Amino acid sequence: MLKKRLIGVIVIKDSWAVQSFGYGRYLPLGRPEHLAENLDRWGADEILVLSVDRSSRGLGPDFRALRRLSAMGLSTPLTYGGGIHTAEQAVAVIQAGAERICIDAALRGRHETIRDMASLIGAQALIAALPLSTDGDRMFSYDYRSKQSAPLDKNHCSLFAEGVISEALIIDWRHEGQRNSFDMDLIRLFPCVGVPLIIFGGLSEPAQLAAALGNPRVVAAGVGNFLSYSEHAIQRLKKELMNASLRPPVYVGSK
């Protein structure tokens, strides 16, 4: 059985790490490198960096932050999202040190651009980031640039069916930053069949994470704010989740 992943998420605004609450309120944490160093040392399976202000400000990827992280020589795979709109930018992000990229705003444009990205960097390096919410049995997609929600565009499913994108990052944007509050209906209602799901937003407690990771559709869970209070937080979480098919907690000093 393939082991599932616990991903440490670093949210960046103005090139600085922040605590994010519902895509609307931010508290400073400091340099992203400090958070990445702890995640790398204490057993994260992957580090996901989300630059949340790039597309809304009409900027490209945050190469300044990405190059600083790349220069650290991290042993943990690094995924980057934020401001990637073209195939050329996707290639440049990989060349700057990321192993994979997350795309959100680009999904709302021409799908041919996504296909161009996949042809250049490989579908395995492409993740669709989808800020979602539910209302009854309906699912909505949130555009953080316009601050508006609309019914989820099911045309995204065609990209998965083509094998152009490898995984979907489902973001519970309403509950992001709120302890133990992830909306499990986001998994149940996601319409694209057979797509490996990464879940993020409001995930904090071992029992909650175990329930989510026990869903066969879920391949990984991302935790952000709740790993920032202690440098050993992800290590403790992984030890408590050993029965949830997680990869074992390998970290500095482990044997």
C-alpha atoms as a PDB file:
ATOM      1  CA  MET A   1       0.000   0.000   0.000  1.00  0.00           C
ATOM      2  CA  LEU A   2       1.288   3.470  -0.891  1.00  0.00           C
ATOM      3  CA  LYS A   3       1.815   5.540   2.209  1.00  0.00           C
ATOM      4  CA  LYS A   4      -0.041   8.814   2.514  1.00  0.00           C
ATOM      5  CA  ARG A   5       1.724  12.142   3.036  1.00  0.00           C
ATOM      6  CA  LEU A   6       1.627  14.857   5.660  1.00  0.00           C
ATOM      7  CA  ILE A   7       2.471  18.168   4.003  1.00  0.00           C
ATOM      8  CA  GLY A   8       3.705  21.258   5.799  1.00  0.00           C
ATOM      9  CA  VAL A   9       2.141  24.357   4.245  1.00  0.00           C
ATOM     10  CA  ILE A  10       3.870  27.752   4.348  1.00  0.00           C
ATOM     11  CA  VAL A  11       1.646  30.681   3.352  1.00  0.00           C
ATOM     12  CA  ILE A  12       3.602  33.675   2.026  1.00  0.00           C
ATOM     13  CA  LYS A  13       2.468  37.263   1.579  1.00  0.00           C
ATOM     14  CA  ASP A  14       4.905  39.994   0.486  1.00  0.00           C
ATOM     15  CA  SER A  15       7.650  37.336   0.603  1.00  0.00           C
ATOM     16  CA  TRP A  16       7.099  36.774   4.345  1.00  0.00           C
ATOM     17  CA  ALA A  17       5.515  33.770   6.050  1.00  0.00           C
ATOM     18  CA  VAL A  18       2.121  34.513   7.599  1.00  0.00           C
ATOM     19  CA  GLN A  19      -0.658  32.826   9.479  1.00  0.00           C
ATOM     20  CA  SER A  20      -3.651  32.931   7.173  1.00  0.00           C
ATOM     21  CA  PHE A  21      -7.293  32.958   8.207  1.00  0.00           C
ATOM     22  CA  GLY A  22      -9.886  32.402   5.501  1.00  0.00           C
ATOM     23  CA  TYR A  23      -7.891  34.174   2.774  1.00  0.00           C
ATOM     24  CA  GLY A  24      -8.724  37.469   4.460  1.00  0.00           C
ATOM     25  CA  ARG A  25      -6.680  38.027   7.626  1.00  0.00           C
ATOM     26  CA  TYR A  26      -2.961  37.507   8.085  1.00  0.00           C
ATOM     27  CA  LEU A  27      -0.561  37.540  11.017  1.00  0.00           C
ATOM     28  CA  PRO A  28       3.214  37.704  10.446  1.00  0.00           C
ATOM     29  CA  LEU A  29       5.402  34.713  11.287  1.00  0.00           C
ATOM     30  CA  GLY A  30       8.780  35.738   9.871  1.00  0.00           C
ATOM     31  CA  ARG A  31      11.063  34.431   7.169  1.00  0.00           C
ATOM     32  CA  PRO A  32       9.777  31.399   5.232  1.00  0.00           C
ATOM     33  CA  GLU A  33      13.213  29.790   5.517  1.00  0.00           C
ATOM     34  CA  HIS A  34      12.822  29.384   9.281  1.00  0.00           C
ATOM     35  CA  LEU A  35       9.564  27.451   8.887  1.00  0.00           C
ATOM     36  CA  ALA A  36      10.966  25.387   6.025  1.00  0.00           C
ATOM     37  CA  GLU A  37      14.027  24.468   8.071  1.00  0.00           C
ATOM     38  CA  ASN A  38      11.864  23.078  10.877  1.00  0.00           C
ATOM     39  CA  LEU A  39       9.605  21.168   8.484  1.00  0.00           C
ATOM     40  CA  ASP A  40      12.642  19.719   6.737  1.00  0.00           C
ATOM     41  CA  ARG A  41      14.342  18.690   9.988  1.00  0.00           C
ATOM     42  CA  TRP A  42      11.307  17.211  11.701  1.00  0.00           C
ATOM     43  CA  GLY A  43       9.765  14.893   9.172  1.00  0.00           C
ATOM     44  CA  ALA A  44       7.408  16.620   6.708  1.00  0.00           C
ATOM     45  CA  ASP A  45       6.852  14.512   3.597  1.00  0.00           C
ATOM     46  CA  GLU A  46       6.558  17.606   1.444  1.00  0.00           C
ATOM     47  CA  ILE A  47       6.687  21.379   1.837  1.00  0.00           C
ATOM     48  CA  LEU A  48       4.036  23.396   0.011  1.00  0.00           C
ATOM     49  CA  VAL A  49       4.667  27.136  -0.362  1.00  0.00           C
ATOM     50  CA  LEU A  50       1.609  29.200  -1.300  1.00  0.00           C
ATOM     51  CA  SER A  51       2.246  32.840  -2.252  1.00  0.00           C
ATOM     52  CA  VAL A  52      -1.278  34.156  -1.819  1.00  0.00           C
ATOM     53  CA  ASP A  53      -0.839  37.722  -3.093  1.00  0.00           C
ATOM     54  CA  ARG A  54       0.868  37.214  -6.443  1.00  0.00           C
ATOM     55  CA  SER A  55      -2.078  36.709  -8.809  1.00  0.00           C
ATOM     56  CA  SER A  56      -4.352  39.209  -7.044  1.00  0.00           C
ATOM     57  CA  ARG A  57      -1.658  41.881  -7.523  1.00  0.00           C
ATOM     58  CA  GLY A  58      -0.933  40.923 -11.120  1.00  0.00           C
ATOM     59  CA  LEU A  59       2.519  39.620 -10.231  1.00  0.00           C
ATOM     60  CA  GLY A  60       4.343  36.540 -11.393  1.00  0.00           C
ATOM     61  CA  PRO A  61       5.831  33.853  -9.138  1.00  0.00           C
ATOM     62  CA  ASP A  62       7.745  34.946  -6.038  1.00  0.00           C
ATOM     63  CA  PHE A  63      11.196  33.972  -7.292  1.00  0.00           C
ATOM     64  CA  ARG A  64      12.858  35.906  -4.480  1.00  0.00           C
ATOM     65  CA  ALA A  65      11.342  33.670  -1.818  1.00  0.00           C
ATOM     66  CA  LEU A  66      11.691  30.544  -3.941  1.00  0.00           C
ATOM     67  CA  ARG A  67      15.400  31.034  -4.567  1.00  0.00           C
ATOM     68  CA  ARG A  68      16.065  31.641  -0.875  1.00  0.00           C
ATOM     69  CA  LEU A  69      14.337  28.368  -0.044  1.00  0.00           C
ATOM     70  CA  SER A  70      16.133  26.509  -2.825  1.00  0.00           C
ATOM     71  CA  ALA A  71      19.505  27.762  -1.585  1.00  0.00           C
ATOM     72  CA  MET A  72      18.917  26.011   1.750  1.00  0.00           C
ATOM     73  CA  GLY A  73      19.517  22.579   0.235  1.00  0.00           C
ATOM     74  CA  LEU A  74      16.304  21.101   1.648  1.00  0.00           C
ATOM     75  CA  SER A  75      15.994  17.328   1.528  1.00  0.00           C
ATOM     76  CA  THR A  76      12.184  17.553   1.589  1.00  0.00           C
ATOM     77  CA  PRO A  77      10.433  17.954  -1.800  1.00  0.00           C
ATOM     78  CA  LEU A  78       9.265  21.529  -2.385  1.00  0.00           C
ATOM     79  CA  THR A  79       6.045  22.490  -4.168  1.00  0.00           C
ATOM     80  CA  TYR A  80       5.278  26.108  -5.069  1.00  0.00           C
ATOM     81  CA  GLY A  81       2.057  27.911  -5.939  1.00  0.00           C
ATOM     82  CA  GLY A  82       1.321  31.557  -6.649  1.00  0.00           C
ATOM     83  CA  GLY A  83       1.411  33.800  -9.724  1.00  0.00           C
ATOM     84  CA  ILE A  84       1.965  31.013 -12.276  1.00  0.00           C
ATOM     85  CA  HIS A  85      -0.020  31.853 -15.398  1.00  0.00           C
ATOM     86  CA  THR A  86       2.095  30.658 -18.330  1.00  0.00           C
ATOM     87  CA  ALA A  87       4.044  27.574 -19.356  1.00  0.00           C
ATOM     88  CA  GLU A  88       7.224  29.660 -19.324  1.00  0.00           C
ATOM     89  CA  GLN A  89       6.611  30.659 -15.716  1.00  0.00           C
ATOM     90  CA  ALA A  90       5.962  27.036 -14.792  1.00  0.00           C
ATOM     91  CA  VAL A  91       9.323  26.019 -16.235  1.00  0.00           C
ATOM     92  CA  ALA A  92      11.072  28.928 -14.479  1.00  0.00           C
ATOM     93  CA  VAL A  93       9.614  27.879 -11.093  1.00  0.00           C
ATOM     94  CA  ILE A  94      10.943  24.347 -11.560  1.00  0.00           C
ATOM     95  CA  GLN A  95      14.315  25.715 -12.601  1.00  0.00           C
ATOM     96  CA  ALA A  96      14.330  27.915  -9.471  1.00  0.00           C
ATOM     97  CA  GLY A  97      14.133  24.865  -7.227  1.00  0.00           C
ATOM     98  CA  ALA A  98      10.555  23.593  -6.914  1.00  0.00           C
ATOM     99  CA  GLU A  99       9.846  19.958  -7.765  1.00  0.00           C
ATOM    100  CA  ARG A 100       6.141  20.563  -8.405  1.00  0.00           C
ATOM    101  CA  ILE A 101       3.814  23.516  -8.913  1.00  0.00           C
ATOM    102  CA  CYS A 102       0.292  24.397  -7.803  1.00  0.00           C
ATOM    103  CA  ILE A 103      -1.937  26.344 -10.177  1.00  0.00           C
ATOM    104  CA  ASP A 104      -5.178  28.132  -9.339  1.00  0.00           C
ATOM    105  CA  ALA A 105      -5.784  31.293 -11.357  1.00  0.00           C
ATOM    106  CA  ALA A 106      -4.377  29.608 -14.472  1.00  0.00           C
ATOM    107  CA  LEU A 107      -7.207  27.070 -14.287  1.00  0.00           C
ATOM    108  CA  ARG A 108      -9.679  29.880 -14.930  1.00  0.00           C
ATOM    109  CA  GLY A 109      -8.051  30.683 -18.265  1.00  0.00           C
ATOM    110  CA  ARG A 110      -7.471  28.615 -21.387  1.00  0.00           C
ATOM    111  CA  HIS A 111      -6.958  24.934 -20.661  1.00  0.00           C
ATOM    112  CA  GLU A 112      -4.494  24.800 -23.544  1.00  0.00           C
ATOM    113  CA  THR A 113      -2.058  26.689 -21.292  1.00  0.00           C
ATOM    114  CA  ILE A 114      -2.307  23.901 -18.720  1.00  0.00           C
ATOM    115  CA  ARG A 115      -1.621  21.329 -21.408  1.00  0.00           C
ATOM    116  CA  ASP A 116       1.444  23.320 -22.472  1.00  0.00           C
ATOM    117  CA  MET A 117       2.677  23.301 -18.874  1.00  0.00           C
ATOM    118  CA  ALA A 118       2.261  19.534 -18.647  1.00  0.00           C
ATOM    119  CA  SER A 119       4.117  18.975 -21.906  1.00  0.00           C
ATOM    120  CA  LEU A 120       7.098  20.951 -20.597  1.00  0.00           C
ATOM    121  CA  ILE A 121       7.364  19.884 -16.943  1.00  0.00           C
ATOM    122  CA  GLY A 122       5.274  16.696 -16.846  1.00  0.00           C
ATOM    123  CA  ALA A 123       1.794  16.072 -15.481  1.00  0.00           C
ATOM    124  CA  GLN A 124       3.284  14.581 -12.303  1.00  0.00           C
ATOM    125  CA  ALA A 125       4.601  18.070 -11.474  1.00  0.00           C
ATOM    126  CA  LEU A 126       1.200  19.775 -11.825  1.00  0.00           C
ATOM    127  CA  ILE A 127      -1.301  20.135  -8.963  1.00  0.00           C
ATOM    128  CA  ALA A 128      -4.642  21.932  -9.298  1.00  0.00           C
ATOM    129  CA  ALA A 129      -5.323  24.199  -6.298  1.00  0.00           C
ATOM    130  CA  LEU A 130      -9.064  24.566  -5.768  1.00  0.00           C
ATOM    131  CA  PRO A 131     -10.439  26.806  -2.974  1.00  0.00           C
ATOM    132  CA  LEU A 132     -13.878  25.262  -2.401  1.00  0.00           C
ATOM    133  CA  SER A 133     -16.933  25.453  -0.181  1.00  0.00           C
ATOM    134  CA  THR A 134     -20.218  23.590   0.084  1.00  0.00           C
ATOM    135  CA  ASP A 135     -23.838  24.566   0.569  1.00  0.00           C
ATOM    136  CA  GLY A 136     -25.971  21.486   1.092  1.00  0.00           C
ATOM    137  CA  ASP A 137     -25.068  19.186  -1.788  1.00  0.00           C
ATOM    138  CA  ARG A 138     -23.721  21.998  -3.956  1.00  0.00           C
ATOM    139  CA  MET A 139     -20.049  22.830  -4.384  1.00  0.00           C
ATOM    140  CA  PHE A 140     -18.634  26.292  -5.049  1.00  0.00           C
ATOM    141  CA  SER A 141     -15.237  27.573  -6.166  1.00  0.00           C
ATOM    142  CA  TYR A 142     -13.805  30.736  -4.605  1.00  0.00           C
ATOM    143  CA  ASP A 143     -11.819  33.246  -6.675  1.00  0.00           C
ATOM    144  CA  TYR A 144      -9.599  35.105  -4.198  1.00  0.00           C
ATOM    145  CA  ARG A 145      -8.897  37.807  -6.789  1.00  0.00           C
ATOM    146  CA  SER A 146     -12.535  38.898  -7.126  1.00  0.00           C
ATOM    147  CA  LYS A 147     -13.551  37.632  -3.657  1.00  0.00           C
ATOM    148  CA  GLN A 148     -16.501  35.868  -5.291  1.00  0.00           C
ATOM    149  CA  SER A 149     -17.757  32.275  -5.267  1.00  0.00           C
ATOM    150  CA  ALA A 150     -19.386  30.490  -8.195  1.00  0.00           C
ATOM    151  CA  PRO A 151     -20.448  26.894  -8.902  1.00  0.00           C
ATOM    152  CA  LEU A 152     -17.420  24.688  -9.486  1.00  0.00           C
ATOM    153  CA  ASP A 153     -16.524  24.443 -13.165  1.00  0.00           C
ATOM    154  CA  LYS A 154     -16.742  20.718 -13.866  1.00  0.00           C
ATOM    155  CA  ASN A 155     -14.708  21.226 -17.048  1.00  0.00           C
ATOM    156  CA  HIS A 156     -11.673  20.910 -14.767  1.00  0.00           C
ATOM    157  CA  CYS A 157     -12.461  17.199 -14.648  1.00  0.00           C
ATOM    158  CA  SER A 158     -11.477  16.882 -18.311  1.00  0.00           C
ATOM    159  CA  LEU A 159      -7.904  17.901 -17.457  1.00  0.00           C
ATOM    160  CA  PHE A 160      -7.669  15.122 -14.889  1.00  0.00           C
ATOM    161  CA  ALA A 161      -9.245  12.632 -17.288  1.00  0.00           C
ATOM    162  CA  GLU A 162      -6.601  13.557 -19.895  1.00  0.00           C
ATOM    163  CA  GLY A 163      -3.854  12.943 -17.356  1.00  0.00           C
ATOM    164  CA  VAL A 164      -2.674  16.559 -17.648  1.00  0.00           C
ATOM    165  CA  ILE A 165      -2.782  17.227 -13.874  1.00  0.00           C
ATOM    166  CA  SER A 166      -1.716  14.661 -11.296  1.00  0.00           C
ATOM    167  CA  GLU A 167      -3.517  15.712  -8.080  1.00  0.00           C
ATOM    168  CA  ALA A 168      -6.097  18.174  -6.775  1.00  0.00           C
ATOM    169  CA  LEU A 169      -5.429  20.333  -3.721  1.00  0.00           C
ATOM    170  CA  ILE A 170      -8.823  20.922  -2.142  1.00  0.00           C
ATOM    171  CA  ILE A 171      -8.652  24.028   0.053  1.00  0.00           C
ATOM    172  CA  ASP A 172     -11.414  24.614   2.597  1.00  0.00           C
ATOM    173  CA  TRP A 173     -10.902  28.367   2.360  1.00  0.00           C
ATOM    174  CA  ARG A 174     -13.748  29.236   4.737  1.00  0.00           C
ATOM    175  CA  HIS A 175     -12.177  27.275   7.589  1.00  0.00           C
ATOM    176  CA  GLU A 176      -8.530  27.932   6.815  1.00  0.00           C
ATOM    177  CA  GLY A 177      -6.820  28.785  10.099  1.00  0.00           C
ATOM    178  CA  GLN A 178      -9.672  27.469  12.254  1.00  0.00           C
ATOM    179  CA  ARG A 179      -8.833  24.503  14.423  1.00  0.00           C
ATOM    180  CA  ASN A 180     -10.503  21.142  13.724  1.00  0.00           C
ATOM    181  CA  SER A 181     -12.957  22.534  11.177  1.00  0.00           C
ATOM    182  CA  PHE A 182     -12.268  21.007   7.723  1.00  0.00           C
ATOM    183  CA  ASP A 183     -15.514  20.362   5.803  1.00  0.00           C
ATOM    184  CA  MET A 184     -15.488  16.634   4.981  1.00  0.00           C
ATOM    185  CA  ASP A 185     -18.283  17.183   2.429  1.00  0.00           C
ATOM    186  CA  LEU A 186     -15.640  18.683   0.140  1.00  0.00           C
ATOM    187  CA  ILE A 187     -14.245  15.181  -0.315  1.00  0.00           C
ATOM    188  CA  ARG A 188     -17.662  13.575  -0.749  1.00  0.00           C
ATOM    189  CA  LEU A 189     -18.926  16.088  -3.302  1.00  0.00           C
ATOM    190  CA  PHE A 190     -15.793  16.558  -5.398  1.00  0.00           C
ATOM    191  CA  PRO A 191     -17.069  15.609  -8.863  1.00  0.00           C
ATOM    192  CA  CYS A 192     -13.908  14.434 -10.646  1.00  0.00           C
ATOM    193  CA  VAL A 193     -13.775  10.648 -10.279  1.00  0.00           C
ATOM    194  CA  GLY A 194     -10.488   8.893  -9.590  1.00  0.00           C
ATOM    195  CA  VAL A 195      -8.509  12.058  -8.831  1.00  0.00           C
ATOM    196  CA  PRO A 196      -6.003  11.820  -5.942  1.00  0.00           C
ATOM    197  CA  LEU A 197      -6.917  14.499  -3.413  1.00  0.00           C
ATOM    198  CA  ILE A 198      -4.751  16.617  -1.135  1.00  0.00           C
ATOM    199  CA  ILE A 199      -6.829  18.354   1.543  1.00  0.00           C
ATOM    200  CA  PHE A 200      -5.984  21.594   3.352  1.00  0.00           C
ATOM    201  CA  GLY A 201      -7.693  24.144   5.584  1.00  0.00           C
ATOM    202  CA  GLY A 202      -8.834  23.690   9.181  1.00  0.00           C
ATOM    203  CA  LEU A 203      -6.880  20.468   9.724  1.00  0.00           C
ATOM    204  CA  SER A 204      -5.229  20.338  13.134  1.00  0.00           C
ATOM    205  CA  GLU A 205      -6.193  17.352  15.321  1.00  0.00           C
ATOM    206  CA  PRO A 206      -4.907  13.760  15.076  1.00  0.00           C
ATOM    207  CA  ALA A 207      -8.386  12.176  15.150  1.00  0.00           C
ATOM    208  CA  GLN A 208      -9.631  14.568  12.466  1.00  0.00           C
ATOM    209  CA  LEU A 209      -6.599  13.904  10.265  1.00  0.00           C
ATOM    210  CA  ALA A 210      -6.916  10.150  10.759  1.00  0.00           C
ATOM    211  CA  ALA A 211     -10.547  10.241   9.608  1.00  0.00           C
ATOM    212  CA  ALA A 212      -9.677  12.297   6.536  1.00  0.00           C
ATOM    213  CA  LEU A 213      -6.651  10.210   5.593  1.00  0.00           C
ATOM    214  CA  GLY A 214      -8.734   7.070   5.976  1.00  0.00           C
ATOM    215  CA  ASN A 215     -10.791   8.146   2.960  1.00  0.00           C
ATOM    216  CA  PRO A 216      -9.475   6.249  -0.098  1.00  0.00           C
ATOM    217  CA  ARG A 217      -9.725   9.385  -2.252  1.00  0.00           C
ATOM    218  CA  VAL A 218      -7.296  11.300  -0.028  1.00  0.00           C
ATOM    219  CA  VAL A 219      -3.557  10.807  -0.647  1.00  0.00           C
ATOM    220  CA  ALA A 220      -2.227  13.659   1.503  1.00  0.00           C
ATOM    221  CA  ALA A 221      -3.181  16.260   4.082  1.00  0.00           C
ATOM    222  CA  GLY A 222      -1.696  19.728   4.404  1.00  0.00           C
ATOM    223  CA  VAL A 223      -1.305  21.499   7.732  1.00  0.00           C
ATOM    224  CA  GLY A 224      -0.241  25.126   7.983  1.00  0.00           C
ATOM    225  CA  ASN A 225      -0.865  27.391  10.966  1.00  0.00           C
ATOM    226  CA  PHE A 226      -0.952  24.568  13.490  1.00  0.00           C
ATOM    227  CA  LEU A 227       2.625  23.518  12.784  1.00  0.00           C
ATOM    228  CA  SER A 228       3.968  26.973  13.612  1.00  0.00           C
ATOM    229  CA  TYR A 229       3.588  26.835  17.386  1.00  0.00           C
ATOM    230  CA  SER A 230       6.317  24.234  17.998  1.00  0.00           C
ATOM    231  CA  GLU A 231       9.174  23.015  15.823  1.00  0.00           C
ATOM    232  CA  HIS A 232       8.375  19.380  16.724  1.00  0.00           C
ATOM    233  CA  ALA A 233       4.650  19.666  15.942  1.00  0.00           C
ATOM    234  CA  ILE A 234       4.717  17.672  12.699  1.00  0.00           C
ATOM    235  CA  GLN A 235       6.823  14.963  14.314  1.00  0.00           C
ATOM    236  CA  ARG A 236       4.271  14.535  17.113  1.00  0.00           C
ATOM    237  CA  LEU A 237       1.379  14.499  14.657  1.00  0.00           C
ATOM    238  CA  LYS A 238       2.982  11.751  12.580  1.00  0.00           C
ATOM    239  CA  LYS A 239       3.642   9.620  15.643  1.00  0.00           C
ATOM    240  CA  GLU A 240      -0.025   9.879  16.635  1.00  0.00           C
ATOM    241  CA  LEU A 241      -1.116   8.980  13.109  1.00  0.00           C
ATOM    242  CA  MET A 242       0.900   5.810  12.620  1.00  0.00           C
ATOM    243  CA  ASN A 243      -2.304   3.820  11.987  1.00  0.00           C
ATOM    244  CA  ALA A 244      -3.459   6.208   9.243  1.00  0.00           C
ATOM    245  CA  SER A 245      -1.184   4.734   6.533  1.00  0.00           C
ATOM    246  CA  LEU A 246       1.215   7.667   6.849  1.00  0.00           C
ATOM    247  CA  ARG A 247       4.832   7.465   5.921  1.00  0.00           C
ATOM    248  CA  PRO A 248       6.896   6.902   9.092  1.00  0.00           C
ATOM    249  CA  PRO A 249       8.226  10.009  10.872  1.00  0.00           C
ATOM    250  CA  VAL A 250      11.794  10.339   9.610  1.00  0.00           C
ATOM    251  CA  TYR A 251      13.490  13.365  11.124  1.00  0.00           C
ATOM    252  CA  VAL A 252      16.808  14.621  12.453  1.00  0.00           C
ATOM    253  CA  GLY A 253      17.920  12.286  15.227  1.00  0.00           C
ATOM    254  CA  SER A 254      15.575   9.432  14.282  1.00  0.00           C
ATOM    255  CA  LYS A 255      16.891   5.903  13.828  1.00  0.00           C
END
